[in-house]
């Protein structure tokens, strides 16, 4: 291991002492917020002027990007409550599901037999 420097056990001197900053005056208060506010305002103004046209262009020219944006804006979890089947007894619900499955099988059989 000749490539590594020898560890003498002493800590190397650092440029700044603990609690001392390289920029003692720091960032001016509100400067980061000002930048964010300016950017959001400019983006909002641009969107107000061009947004509808850009959305339409992205939807037609890059549908994958459009879908990605829509998905990113959609909630991650959506709970849907449909009470139309709440009054069915267990055996009625099972019969209903069987009828739906049979209808689906019949539709698939019809589409397989159709000429494309």
PDB file of N, CA and C in Angstrom:
ATOM      1  N   UNK A   1       0.817  -1.178   0.000  1.00  0.00           N
ATOM      2  CA  UNK A   1       0.000   0.000   0.000  1.00  0.00           C
ATOM      3  C   UNK A   1       0.866   1.249   0.000  1.00  0.00           C
ATOM      4  N   UNK A   2       1.763   1.319  -0.893  1.00  0.00           N
ATOM      5  CA  UNK A   2       2.681   2.445  -0.962  1.00  0.00           C
ATOM      6  C   UNK A   2       2.011   3.686  -1.544  1.00  0.00           C
ATOM      7  N   UNK A   3       0.843   3.515  -2.209  1.00  0.00           N
ATOM      8  CA  UNK A   3       0.185   4.647  -2.846  1.00  0.00           C
ATOM      9  C   UNK A   3      -0.513   5.570  -1.851  1.00  0.00           C
ATOM     10  N   UNK A   4      -0.855   5.053  -0.664  1.00  0.00           N
ATOM     11  CA  UNK A   4      -1.600   5.854   0.303  1.00  0.00           C
ATOM     12  C   UNK A   4      -0.642   6.592   1.235  1.00  0.00           C
ATOM     13  N   UNK A   5      -1.004   7.834   1.617  1.00  0.00           N
ATOM     14  CA  UNK A   5      -0.130   8.585   2.532  1.00  0.00           C
ATOM     15  C   UNK A   5      -0.093   7.923   3.905  1.00  0.00           C
ATOM     16  N   UNK A   6       0.989   8.125   4.569  1.00  0.00           N
ATOM     17  CA  UNK A   6       1.152   7.550   5.900  1.00  0.00           C
ATOM     18  C   UNK A   6       0.281   8.308   6.883  1.00  0.00           C
ATOM     19  N   UNK A   7      -0.441   7.584   7.719  1.00  0.00           N
ATOM     20  CA  UNK A   7      -1.297   8.204   8.726  1.00  0.00           C
ATOM     21  C   UNK A   7      -0.444   8.494   9.951  1.00  0.00           C
ATOM     22  N   UNK A   8      -0.232   9.768  10.226  1.00  0.00           N
ATOM     23  CA  UNK A   8       0.624  10.148  11.360  1.00  0.00           C
ATOM     24  C   UNK A   8      -0.176  10.275  12.651  1.00  0.00           C
ATOM     25  N   UNK A   9      -1.522  10.139  12.534  1.00  0.00           N
ATOM     26  CA  UNK A   9      -2.349  10.251  13.722  1.00  0.00           C
ATOM     27  C   UNK A   9      -2.734  11.691  14.028  1.00  0.00           C
ATOM     28  N   UNK A  10      -2.121  12.648  13.367  1.00  0.00           N
ATOM     29  CA  UNK A  10      -2.473  14.050  13.594  1.00  0.00           C
ATOM     30  C   UNK A  10      -3.572  14.458  12.631  1.00  0.00           C
ATOM     31  N   UNK A  11      -4.486  15.299  13.098  1.00  0.00           N
ATOM     32  CA  UNK A  11      -5.550  15.823  12.256  1.00  0.00           C
ATOM     33  C   UNK A  11      -4.989  16.975  11.433  1.00  0.00           C
ATOM     34  N   UNK A  12      -5.315  16.968  10.159  1.00  0.00           N
ATOM     35  CA  UNK A  12      -4.826  18.029   9.296  1.00  0.00           C
ATOM     36  C   UNK A  12      -5.507  19.342   9.654  1.00  0.00           C
ATOM     37  N   UNK A  13      -4.775  20.435   9.494  1.00  0.00           N
ATOM     38  CA  UNK A  13      -5.346  21.757   9.746  1.00  0.00           C
ATOM     39  C   UNK A  13      -6.402  22.042   8.698  1.00  0.00           C
ATOM     40  N   UNK A  14      -7.526  22.616   9.109  1.00  0.00           N
ATOM     41  CA  UNK A  14      -8.579  22.951   8.166  1.00  0.00           C
ATOM     42  C   UNK A  14      -8.570  24.441   7.921  1.00  0.00           C
ATOM     43  N   UNK A  15      -9.216  24.842   6.852  1.00  0.00           N
ATOM     44  CA  UNK A  15      -9.215  26.250   6.490  1.00  0.00           C
ATOM     45  C   UNK A  15     -10.011  27.074   7.502  1.00  0.00           C
ATOM     46  N   UNK A  16     -11.119  26.519   8.007  1.00  0.00           N
ATOM     47  CA  UNK A  16     -11.975  27.271   8.918  1.00  0.00           C
ATOM     48  C   UNK A  16     -12.032  26.577  10.271  1.00  0.00           C
ATOM     49  N   UNK A  17     -12.068  27.368  11.309  1.00  0.00           N
ATOM     50  CA  UNK A  17     -12.190  26.826  12.656  1.00  0.00           C
ATOM     51  C   UNK A  17     -13.660  26.468  12.896  1.00  0.00           C
ATOM     52  N   UNK A  18     -13.940  25.576  13.839  1.00  0.00           N
ATOM     53  CA  UNK A  18     -15.330  25.219  14.124  1.00  0.00           C
ATOM     54  C   UNK A  18     -16.164  26.466  14.425  1.00  0.00           C
ATOM     55  N   UNK A  19     -17.353  26.539  13.787  1.00  0.00           N
ATOM     56  CA  UNK A  19     -18.245  27.669  13.986  1.00  0.00           C
ATOM     57  C   UNK A  19     -17.924  28.864  13.114  1.00  0.00           C
ATOM     58  N   UNK A  20     -16.870  28.780  12.319  1.00  0.00           N
ATOM     59  CA  UNK A  20     -16.478  29.885  11.455  1.00  0.00           C
ATOM     60  C   UNK A  20     -16.893  29.547  10.025  1.00  0.00           C
ATOM     61  N   UNK A  21     -17.411  30.517   9.304  1.00  0.00           N
ATOM     62  CA  UNK A  21     -17.896  30.299   7.953  1.00  0.00           C
ATOM     63  C   UNK A  21     -16.945  30.921   6.946  1.00  0.00           C
ATOM     64  N   UNK A  22     -16.925  30.387   5.747  1.00  0.00           N
ATOM     65  CA  UNK A  22     -16.151  30.975   4.668  1.00  0.00           C
ATOM     66  C   UNK A  22     -16.825  32.226   4.127  1.00  0.00           C
ATOM     67  N   UNK A  23     -18.081  32.417   4.479  1.00  0.00           N
ATOM     68  CA  UNK A  23     -18.823  33.608   4.060  1.00  0.00           C
ATOM     69  C   UNK A  23     -19.520  34.157   5.306  1.00  0.00           C
ATOM     70  N   UNK A  24     -18.800  34.940   6.111  1.00  0.00           N
ATOM     71  CA  UNK A  24     -19.347  35.373   7.392  1.00  0.00           C
ATOM     72  C   UNK A  24     -20.634  36.185   7.272  1.00  0.00           C
ATOM     73  N   UNK A  25     -20.818  36.884   6.161  1.00  0.00           N
ATOM     74  CA  UNK A  25     -22.055  37.648   5.996  1.00  0.00           C
ATOM     75  C   UNK A  25     -23.215  36.771   5.548  1.00  0.00           C
ATOM     76  N   UNK A  26     -22.906  35.609   4.978  1.00  0.00           N
ATOM     77  CA  UNK A  26     -23.942  34.673   4.543  1.00  0.00           C
ATOM     78  C   UNK A  26     -24.731  35.180   3.353  1.00  0.00           C
ATOM     79  N   UNK A  27     -25.694  34.392   2.976  1.00  0.00           N
ATOM     80  CA  UNK A  27     -26.577  34.745   1.870  1.00  0.00           C
ATOM     81  C   UNK A  27     -27.546  35.805   2.367  1.00  0.00           C
ATOM     82  N   UNK A  28     -27.792  36.828   1.577  1.00  0.00           N
ATOM     83  CA  UNK A  28     -28.750  37.849   2.012  1.00  0.00           C
ATOM     84  C   UNK A  28     -30.114  37.222   2.306  1.00  0.00           C
ATOM     85  N   UNK A  29     -30.744  37.636   3.374  1.00  0.00           N
ATOM     86  CA  UNK A  29     -32.035  37.082   3.758  1.00  0.00           C
ATOM     87  C   UNK A  29     -33.044  37.286   2.631  1.00  0.00           C
ATOM     88  N   UNK A  30     -33.772  36.212   2.312  1.00  0.00           N
ATOM     89  CA  UNK A  30     -34.817  36.284   1.298  1.00  0.00           C
ATOM     90  C   UNK A  30     -34.334  36.146  -0.128  1.00  0.00           C
ATOM     91  N   UNK A  31     -33.018  36.052  -0.363  1.00  0.00           N
ATOM     92  CA  UNK A  31     -32.547  35.991  -1.749  1.00  0.00           C
ATOM     93  C   UNK A  31     -32.990  34.700  -2.434  1.00  0.00           C
ATOM     94  N   UNK A  32     -32.951  33.589  -1.716  1.00  0.00           N
ATOM     95  CA  UNK A  32     -33.393  32.330  -2.316  1.00  0.00           C
ATOM     96  C   UNK A  32     -34.894  32.393  -2.569  1.00  0.00           C
ATOM     97  N   UNK A  33     -35.643  32.924  -1.615  1.00  0.00           N
ATOM     98  CA  UNK A  33     -37.083  33.052  -1.794  1.00  0.00           C
ATOM     99  C   UNK A  33     -37.399  33.977  -2.964  1.00  0.00           C
ATOM    100  N   UNK A  34     -36.642  35.051  -3.108  1.00  0.00           N
ATOM    101  CA  UNK A  34     -36.853  36.000  -4.195  1.00  0.00           C
ATOM    102  C   UNK A  34     -36.651  35.315  -5.542  1.00  0.00           C
ATOM    103  N   UNK A  35     -35.582  34.513  -5.646  1.00  0.00           N
ATOM    104  CA  UNK A  35     -35.326  33.783  -6.884  1.00  0.00           C
ATOM    105  C   UNK A  35     -36.489  32.844  -7.185  1.00  0.00           C
ATOM    106  N   UNK A  36     -36.925  32.099  -6.184  1.00  0.00           N
ATOM    107  CA  UNK A  36     -38.041  31.172  -6.391  1.00  0.00           C
ATOM    108  C   UNK A  36     -39.303  31.916  -6.799  1.00  0.00           C
ATOM    109  N   UNK A  37     -39.592  33.016  -6.124  1.00  0.00           N
ATOM    110  CA  UNK A  37     -40.789  33.794  -6.448  1.00  0.00           C
ATOM    111  C   UNK A  37     -40.719  34.332  -7.869  1.00  0.00           C
ATOM    112  N   UNK A  38     -39.549  34.853  -8.259  1.00  0.00           N
ATOM    113  CA  UNK A  38     -39.384  35.384  -9.615  1.00  0.00           C
ATOM    114  C   UNK A  38     -39.566  34.283 -10.658  1.00  0.00           C
ATOM    115  N   UNK A  39     -38.983  33.123 -10.389  1.00  0.00           N
ATOM    116  CA  UNK A  39     -39.090  32.010 -11.335  1.00  0.00           C
ATOM    117  C   UNK A  39     -40.534  31.547 -11.472  1.00  0.00           C
ATOM    118  N   UNK A  40     -41.200  31.357 -10.348  1.00  0.00           N
ATOM    119  CA  UNK A  40     -42.591  30.896 -10.388  1.00  0.00           C
ATOM    120  C   UNK A  40     -43.479  31.934 -11.075  1.00  0.00           C
ATOM    121  N   UNK A  41     -43.232  33.203 -10.821  1.00  0.00           N
ATOM    122  CA  UNK A  41     -44.014  34.256 -11.477  1.00  0.00           C
ATOM    123  C   UNK A  41     -43.789  34.223 -12.985  1.00  0.00           C
ATOM    124  N   UNK A  42     -42.536  34.100 -13.417  1.00  0.00           N
ATOM    125  CA  UNK A  42     -42.227  34.056 -14.856  1.00  0.00           C
ATOM    126  C   UNK A  42     -42.851  32.816 -15.503  1.00  0.00           C
ATOM    127  N   UNK A  43     -42.762  31.697 -14.823  1.00  0.00           N
ATOM    128  CA  UNK A  43     -43.354  30.461 -15.340  1.00  0.00           C
ATOM    129  C   UNK A  43     -44.868  30.592 -15.436  1.00  0.00           C
ATOM    130  N   UNK A  44     -45.463  31.189 -14.432  1.00  0.00           N
ATOM    131  CA  UNK A  44     -46.910  31.389 -14.436  1.00  0.00           C
ATOM    132  C   UNK A  44     -47.333  32.311 -15.578  1.00  0.00           C
ATOM    133  N   UNK A  45     -46.598  33.392 -15.777  1.00  0.00           N
ATOM    134  CA  UNK A  45     -46.910  34.316 -16.870  1.00  0.00           C
ATOM    135  C   UNK A  45     -46.785  33.616 -18.226  1.00  0.00           C
ATOM    136  N   UNK A  46     -45.721  32.834 -18.397  1.00  0.00           N
ATOM    137  CA  UNK A  46     -45.506  32.122 -19.651  1.00  0.00           C
ATOM    138  C   UNK A  46     -46.618  31.096 -19.878  1.00  0.00           C
ATOM    139  N   UNK A  47     -46.984  30.401 -18.823  1.00  0.00           N
ATOM    140  CA  UNK A  47     -48.041  29.398 -18.953  1.00  0.00           C
ATOM    141  C   UNK A  47     -49.372  30.058 -19.296  1.00  0.00           C
ATOM    142  N   UNK A  48     -49.650  31.204 -18.679  1.00  0.00           N
ATOM    143  CA  UNK A  48     -50.898  31.911 -18.975  1.00  0.00           C
ATOM    144  C   UNK A  48     -50.976  32.277 -20.456  1.00  0.00           C
ATOM    145  N   UNK A  49     -49.827  32.610 -21.045  1.00  0.00           N
ATOM    146  CA  UNK A  49     -49.818  33.011 -22.445  1.00  0.00           C
ATOM    147  C   UNK A  49     -49.777  31.827 -23.406  1.00  0.00           C
ATOM    148  N   UNK A  50     -49.001  30.788 -23.072  1.00  0.00           N
ATOM    149  CA  UNK A  50     -48.754  29.701 -24.025  1.00  0.00           C
ATOM    150  C   UNK A  50     -49.231  28.329 -23.565  1.00  0.00           C
ATOM    151  N   UNK A  51     -49.710  28.229 -22.345  1.00  0.00           N
ATOM    152  CA  UNK A  51     -50.000  26.922 -21.747  1.00  0.00           C
ATOM    153  C   UNK A  51     -50.907  26.018 -22.544  1.00  0.00           C
ATOM    154  N   UNK A  52     -52.055  26.542 -22.987  1.00  0.00           N
ATOM    155  CA  UNK A  52     -53.007  25.702 -23.720  1.00  0.00           C
ATOM    156  C   UNK A  52     -52.390  25.129 -24.997  1.00  0.00           C
ATOM    157  N   UNK A  53     -51.658  25.960 -25.726  1.00  0.00           N
ATOM    158  CA  UNK A  53     -51.044  25.510 -26.981  1.00  0.00           C
ATOM    159  C   UNK A  53     -49.953  24.472 -26.713  1.00  0.00           C
ATOM    160  N   UNK A  54     -49.180  24.694 -25.655  1.00  0.00           N
ATOM    161  CA  UNK A  54     -48.098  23.753 -25.332  1.00  0.00           C
ATOM    162  C   UNK A  54     -48.679  22.410 -24.912  1.00  0.00           C
ATOM    163  N   UNK A  55     -49.714  22.444 -24.094  1.00  0.00           N
ATOM    164  CA  UNK A  55     -50.354  21.199 -23.665  1.00  0.00           C
ATOM    165  C   UNK A  55     -50.865  20.427 -24.874  1.00  0.00           C
ATOM    166  N   UNK A  56     -51.530  21.120 -25.790  1.00  0.00           N
ATOM    167  CA  UNK A  56     -52.044  20.463 -26.993  1.00  0.00           C
ATOM    168  C   UNK A  56     -50.916  19.880 -27.837  1.00  0.00           C
ATOM    169  N   UNK A  57     -49.822  20.634 -27.966  1.00  0.00           N
ATOM    170  CA  UNK A  57     -48.690  20.150 -28.765  1.00  0.00           C
ATOM    171  C   UNK A  57     -48.051  18.922 -28.126  1.00  0.00           C
ATOM    172  N   UNK A  58     -47.863  18.963 -26.820  1.00  0.00           N
ATOM    173  CA  UNK A  58     -47.254  17.814 -26.132  1.00  0.00           C
ATOM    174  C   UNK A  58     -48.177  16.604 -26.238  1.00  0.00           C
ATOM    175  N   UNK A  59     -49.475  16.830 -26.065  1.00  0.00           N
ATOM    176  CA  UNK A  59     -50.427  15.720 -26.140  1.00  0.00           C
ATOM    177  C   UNK A  59     -50.372  15.041 -27.506  1.00  0.00           C
ATOM    178  N   UNK A  60     -50.263  15.818 -28.585  1.00  0.00           N
ATOM    179  CA  UNK A  60     -50.273  15.217 -29.919  1.00  0.00           C
ATOM    180  C   UNK A  60     -48.893  14.736 -30.366  1.00  0.00           C
ATOM    181  N   UNK A  61     -47.826  15.453 -29.991  1.00  0.00           N
ATOM    182  CA  UNK A  61     -46.491  15.104 -30.477  1.00  0.00           C
ATOM    183  C   UNK A  61     -45.723  14.169 -29.548  1.00  0.00           C
ATOM    184  N   UNK A  62     -45.996  14.241 -28.251  1.00  0.00           N
ATOM    185  CA  UNK A  62     -45.279  13.407 -27.278  1.00  0.00           C
ATOM    186  C   UNK A  62     -46.260  12.875 -26.237  1.00  0.00           C
ATOM    187  N   UNK A  63     -47.149  11.961 -26.646  1.00  0.00           N
ATOM    188  CA  UNK A  63     -48.169  11.484 -25.713  1.00  0.00           C
ATOM    189  C   UNK A  63     -47.593  10.799 -24.473  1.00  0.00           C
ATOM    190  N   UNK A  64     -46.402  10.203 -24.587  1.00  0.00           N
ATOM    191  CA  UNK A  64     -45.792   9.569 -23.415  1.00  0.00           C
ATOM    192  C   UNK A  64     -45.418  10.612 -22.360  1.00  0.00           C
ATOM    193  N   UNK A  65     -44.907  11.752 -22.793  1.00  0.00           N
ATOM    194  CA  UNK A  65     -44.565  12.835 -21.867  1.00  0.00           C
ATOM    195  C   UNK A  65     -45.845  13.416 -21.261  1.00  0.00           C
ATOM    196  N   UNK A  66     -46.855  13.596 -22.113  1.00  0.00           N
ATOM    197  CA  UNK A  66     -48.138  14.119 -21.640  1.00  0.00           C
ATOM    198  C   UNK A  66     -48.713  13.221 -20.552  1.00  0.00           C
ATOM    199  N   UNK A  67     -48.715  11.922 -20.806  1.00  0.00           N
ATOM    200  CA  UNK A  67     -49.255  10.970 -19.831  1.00  0.00           C
ATOM    201  C   UNK A  67     -48.443  10.978 -18.546  1.00  0.00           C
ATOM    202  N   UNK A  68     -47.127  11.097 -18.668  1.00  0.00           N
ATOM    203  CA  UNK A  68     -46.262  11.142 -17.488  1.00  0.00           C
ATOM    204  C   UNK A  68     -46.588  12.367 -16.622  1.00  0.00           C
ATOM    205  N   UNK A  69     -46.822  13.494 -17.258  1.00  0.00           N
ATOM    206  CA  UNK A  69     -47.169  14.717 -16.515  1.00  0.00           C
ATOM    207  C   UNK A  69     -48.516  14.556 -15.831  1.00  0.00           C
ATOM    208  N   UNK A  70     -49.493  14.030 -16.556  1.00  0.00           N
ATOM    209  CA  UNK A  70     -50.816  13.823 -15.963  1.00  0.00           C
ATOM    210  C   UNK A  70     -50.715  12.884 -14.767  1.00  0.00           C
ATOM    211  N   UNK A  71     -49.961  11.800 -14.923  1.00  0.00           N
ATOM    212  CA  UNK A  71     -49.806  10.841 -13.824  1.00  0.00           C
ATOM    213  C   UNK A  71     -49.093  11.470 -12.637  1.00  0.00           C
ATOM    214  N   UNK A  72     -48.108  12.324 -12.888  1.00  0.00           N
ATOM    215  CA  UNK A  72     -47.376  12.938 -11.778  1.00  0.00           C
ATOM    216  C   UNK A  72     -48.244  13.928 -11.010  1.00  0.00           C
ATOM    217  N   UNK A  73     -49.259  14.482 -11.663  1.00  0.00           N
ATOM    218  CA  UNK A  73     -50.154  15.432 -11.008  1.00  0.00           C
ATOM    219  C   UNK A  73     -51.343  14.750 -10.334  1.00  0.00           C
ATOM    220  N   UNK A  74     -51.538  13.482 -10.650  1.00  0.00           N
ATOM    221  CA  UNK A  74     -52.661  12.747 -10.074  1.00  0.00           C
ATOM    222  C   UNK A  74     -52.301  12.259  -8.676  1.00  0.00           C
ATOM    223  N   UNK A  75     -53.308  12.154  -7.805  1.00  0.00           N
ATOM    224  CA  UNK A  75     -53.019  11.640  -6.461  1.00  0.00           C
ATOM    225  C   UNK A  75     -52.531  10.191  -6.536  1.00  0.00           C
ATOM    226  N   UNK A  76     -51.659   9.833  -5.613  1.00  0.00           N
ATOM    227  CA  UNK A  76     -51.091   8.477  -5.611  1.00  0.00           C
ATOM    228  C   UNK A  76     -52.127   7.437  -5.189  1.00  0.00           C
ATOM    229  N   UNK A  77     -53.064   7.844  -4.343  1.00  0.00           N
ATOM    230  CA  UNK A  77     -54.057   6.909  -3.833  1.00  0.00           C
ATOM    231  C   UNK A  77     -55.439   7.530  -4.002  1.00  0.00           C
ATOM    232  N   UNK A  78     -56.321   6.811  -4.671  1.00  0.00           N
ATOM    233  CA  UNK A  78     -57.684   7.280  -4.847  1.00  0.00           C
ATOM    234  C   UNK A  78     -58.609   6.198  -4.324  1.00  0.00           C
ATOM    235  N   UNK A  79     -59.500   6.585  -3.452  1.00  0.00           N
ATOM    236  CA  UNK A  79     -60.457   5.627  -2.921  1.00  0.00           C
ATOM    237  C   UNK A  79     -61.804   5.891  -3.573  1.00  0.00           C
ATOM    238  N   UNK A  80     -62.348   4.865  -4.199  1.00  0.00           N
ATOM    239  CA  UNK A  80     -63.635   4.986  -4.865  1.00  0.00           C
ATOM    240  C   UNK A  80     -64.631   4.140  -4.092  1.00  0.00           C
ATOM    241  N   UNK A  81     -65.727   4.738  -3.722  1.00  0.00           N
ATOM    242  CA  UNK A  81     -66.763   4.032  -2.976  1.00  0.00           C
ATOM    243  C   UNK A  81     -67.989   3.934  -3.857  1.00  0.00           C
ATOM    244  N   UNK A  82     -68.365   2.719  -4.217  1.00  0.00           N
ATOM    245  CA  UNK A  82     -69.561   2.483  -5.016  1.00  0.00           C
ATOM    246  C   UNK A  82     -70.503   1.657  -4.166  1.00  0.00           C
ATOM    247  N   UNK A  83     -71.626   2.240  -3.824  1.00  0.00           N
ATOM    248  CA  UNK A  83     -72.553   1.585  -2.901  1.00  0.00           C
ATOM    249  C   UNK A  83     -73.670   0.836  -3.621  1.00  0.00           C
ATOM    250  N   UNK A  84     -73.616   0.766  -4.949  1.00  0.00           N
ATOM    251  CA  UNK A  84     -74.716   0.131  -5.681  1.00  0.00           C
ATOM    252  C   UNK A  84     -74.848  -1.354  -5.387  1.00  0.00           C
ATOM    253  N   UNK A  85     -73.765  -2.014  -4.990  1.00  0.00           N
ATOM    254  CA  UNK A  85     -73.823  -3.454  -4.732  1.00  0.00           C
ATOM    255  C   UNK A  85     -73.869  -3.780  -3.243  1.00  0.00           C
ATOM    256  N   UNK A  86     -73.911  -2.753  -2.403  1.00  0.00           N
ATOM    257  CA  UNK A  86     -73.889  -2.979  -0.954  1.00  0.00           C
ATOM    258  C   UNK A  86     -75.086  -3.765  -0.446  1.00  0.00           C
ATOM    259  N   UNK A  87     -76.217  -3.641  -1.109  1.00  0.00           N
ATOM    260  CA  UNK A  87     -77.437  -4.308  -0.634  1.00  0.00           C
ATOM    261  C   UNK A  87     -77.523  -5.769  -1.051  1.00  0.00           C
ATOM    262  N   UNK A  88     -76.614  -6.227  -1.907  1.00  0.00           N
ATOM    263  CA  UNK A  88     -76.659  -7.617  -2.364  1.00  0.00           C
ATOM    264  C   UNK A  88     -76.138  -8.557  -1.284  1.00  0.00           C
ATOM    265  N   UNK A  89     -76.801  -9.689  -1.171  1.00  0.00           N
ATOM    266  CA  UNK A  89     -76.310 -10.753  -0.287  1.00  0.00           C
ATOM    267  C   UNK A  89     -75.118 -11.418  -0.969  1.00  0.00           C
ATOM    268  N   UNK A  90     -74.364 -12.175  -0.201  1.00  0.00           N
ATOM    269  CA  UNK A  90     -73.155 -12.816  -0.722  1.00  0.00           C
ATOM    270  C   UNK A  90     -73.450 -13.708  -1.930  1.00  0.00           C
ATOM    271  N   UNK A  91     -74.496 -14.513  -1.864  1.00  0.00           N
ATOM    272  CA  UNK A  91     -74.829 -15.414  -2.978  1.00  0.00           C
ATOM    273  C   UNK A  91     -75.327 -14.630  -4.199  1.00  0.00           C
ATOM    274  N   UNK A  92     -76.029 -13.507  -3.977  1.00  0.00           N
ATOM    275  CA  UNK A  92     -76.465 -12.664  -5.090  1.00  0.00           C
ATOM    276  C   UNK A  92     -75.261 -12.022  -5.784  1.00  0.00           C
ATOM    277  N   UNK A  93     -74.292 -11.578  -4.983  1.00  0.00           N
ATOM    278  CA  UNK A  93     -73.081 -10.977  -5.535  1.00  0.00           C
ATOM    279  C   UNK A  93     -72.288 -12.012  -6.337  1.00  0.00           C
ATOM    280  N   UNK A  94     -72.192 -13.228  -5.824  1.00  0.00           N
ATOM    281  CA  UNK A  94     -71.489 -14.295  -6.539  1.00  0.00           C
ATOM    282  C   UNK A  94     -72.175 -14.595  -7.865  1.00  0.00           C
ATOM    283  N   UNK A  95     -73.520 -14.630  -7.872  1.00  0.00           N
ATOM    284  CA  UNK A  95     -74.264 -14.876  -9.106  1.00  0.00           C
ATOM    285  C   UNK A  95     -74.045 -13.735 -10.098  1.00  0.00           C
ATOM    286  N   UNK A  96     -74.024 -12.501  -9.590  1.00  0.00           N
ATOM    287  CA  UNK A  96     -73.784 -11.340 -10.444  1.00  0.00           C
ATOM    288  C   UNK A  96     -72.400 -11.432 -11.094  1.00  0.00           C
ATOM    289  N   UNK A  97     -71.391 -11.761 -10.294  1.00  0.00           N
ATOM    290  CA  UNK A  97     -70.030 -11.889 -10.837  1.00  0.00           C
ATOM    291  C   UNK A  97     -69.941 -13.007 -11.863  1.00  0.00           C
ATOM    292  N   UNK A  98     -70.631 -14.114 -11.615  1.00  0.00           N
ATOM    293  CA  UNK A  98     -70.646 -15.209 -12.586  1.00  0.00           C
ATOM    294  C   UNK A  98     -71.252 -14.754 -13.910  1.00  0.00           C
ATOM    295  N   UNK A  99     -72.346 -13.981 -13.830  1.00  0.00           N
ATOM    296  CA  UNK A  99     -72.991 -13.478 -15.046  1.00  0.00           C
ATOM    297  C   UNK A  99     -72.060 -12.533 -15.806  1.00  0.00           C
ATOM    298  N   UNK A 100     -71.330 -11.683 -15.079  1.00  0.00           N
ATOM    299  CA  UNK A 100     -70.383 -10.765 -15.717  1.00  0.00           C
ATOM    300  C   UNK A 100     -69.267 -11.548 -16.398  1.00  0.00           C
ATOM    301  N   UNK A 101     -68.751 -12.541 -15.707  1.00  0.00           N
ATOM    302  CA  UNK A 101     -67.677 -13.371 -16.292  1.00  0.00           C
ATOM    303  C   UNK A 101     -68.163 -14.087 -17.549  1.00  0.00           C
ATOM    304  N   UNK A 102     -69.374 -14.620 -17.508  1.00  0.00           N
ATOM    305  CA  UNK A 102     -69.931 -15.326 -18.663  1.00  0.00           C
ATOM    306  C   UNK A 102     -70.123 -14.368 -19.832  1.00  0.00           C
ATOM    307  N   UNK A 103     -70.605 -13.164 -19.553  1.00  0.00           N
ATOM    308  CA  UNK A 103     -70.783 -12.163 -20.614  1.00  0.00           C
ATOM    309  C   UNK A 103     -69.434 -11.792 -21.228  1.00  0.00           C
ATOM    310  N   UNK A 104     -68.414 -11.683 -20.396  1.00  0.00           N
ATOM    311  CA  UNK A 104     -67.077 -11.352 -20.897  1.00  0.00           C
ATOM    312  C   UNK A 104     -66.532 -12.471 -21.771  1.00  0.00           C
ATOM    313  N   UNK A 105     -66.731 -13.718 -21.332  1.00  0.00           N
ATOM    314  CA  UNK A 105     -66.270 -14.857 -22.144  1.00  0.00           C
ATOM    315  C   UNK A 105     -66.979 -14.875 -23.498  1.00  0.00           C
ATOM    316  N   UNK A 106     -68.280 -14.594 -23.495  1.00  0.00           N
ATOM    317  CA  UNK A 106     -69.041 -14.589 -24.744  1.00  0.00           C
ATOM    318  C   UNK A 106     -68.546 -13.480 -25.674  1.00  0.00           C
ATOM    319  N   UNK A 107     -68.270 -12.312 -25.103  1.00  0.00           N
ATOM    320  CA  UNK A 107     -67.775 -11.191 -25.915  1.00  0.00           C
ATOM    321  C   UNK A 107     -66.406 -11.523 -26.505  1.00  0.00           C
ATOM    322  N   UNK A 108     -65.530 -12.149 -25.688  1.00  0.00           N
ATOM    323  CA  UNK A 108     -64.201 -12.529 -26.197  1.00  0.00           C
ATOM    324  C   UNK A 108     -64.307 -13.581 -27.289  1.00  0.00           C
ATOM    325  N   UNK A 109     -65.243 -14.518 -27.134  1.00  0.00           N
ATOM    326  CA  UNK A 109     -65.432 -15.551 -28.150  1.00  0.00           C
ATOM    327  C   UNK A 109     -65.940 -14.919 -29.443  1.00  0.00           C
ATOM    328  N   UNK A 110     -66.852 -13.943 -29.324  1.00  0.00           N
ATOM    329  CA  UNK A 110     -67.354 -13.247 -30.511  1.00  0.00           C
ATOM    330  C   UNK A 110     -66.247 -12.491 -31.226  1.00  0.00           C
ATOM    331  N   UNK A 111     -65.375 -11.834 -30.445  1.00  0.00           N
ATOM    332  CA  UNK A 111     -64.312 -11.050 -31.084  1.00  0.00           C
ATOM    333  C   UNK A 111     -63.248 -11.933 -31.703  1.00  0.00           C
ATOM    334  N   UNK A 112     -63.049 -13.131 -31.153  1.00  0.00           N
ATOM    335  CA  UNK A 112     -62.081 -14.066 -31.755  1.00  0.00           C
ATOM    336  C   UNK A 112     -62.605 -14.623 -33.054  1.00  0.00           C
ATOM    337  N   UNK A 113     -63.914 -14.782 -33.155  1.00  0.00           N
ATOM    338  CA  UNK A 113     -64.526 -15.316 -34.363  1.00  0.00           C
ATOM    339  C   UNK A 113     -64.694 -14.289 -35.453  1.00  0.00           C
ATOM    340  N   UNK A 114     -64.615 -13.017 -35.092  1.00  0.00           N
ATOM    341  CA  UNK A 114     -64.802 -11.942 -36.088  1.00  0.00           C
ATOM    342  C   UNK A 114     -63.549 -11.841 -36.956  1.00  0.00           C
ATOM    343  N   UNK A 115     -63.757 -11.453 -38.207  1.00  0.00           N
ATOM    344  CA  UNK A 115     -62.647 -11.281 -39.140  1.00  0.00           C
ATOM    345  C   UNK A 115     -62.126  -9.871 -38.985  1.00  0.00           C
ATOM    346  N   UNK A 116     -60.802  -9.732 -38.820  1.00  0.00           N
ATOM    347  CA  UNK A 116     -60.185  -8.408 -38.627  1.00  0.00           C
ATOM    348  C   UNK A 116     -59.565  -7.938 -39.889  1.00  0.00           C
TER     349      UNK A 116
END
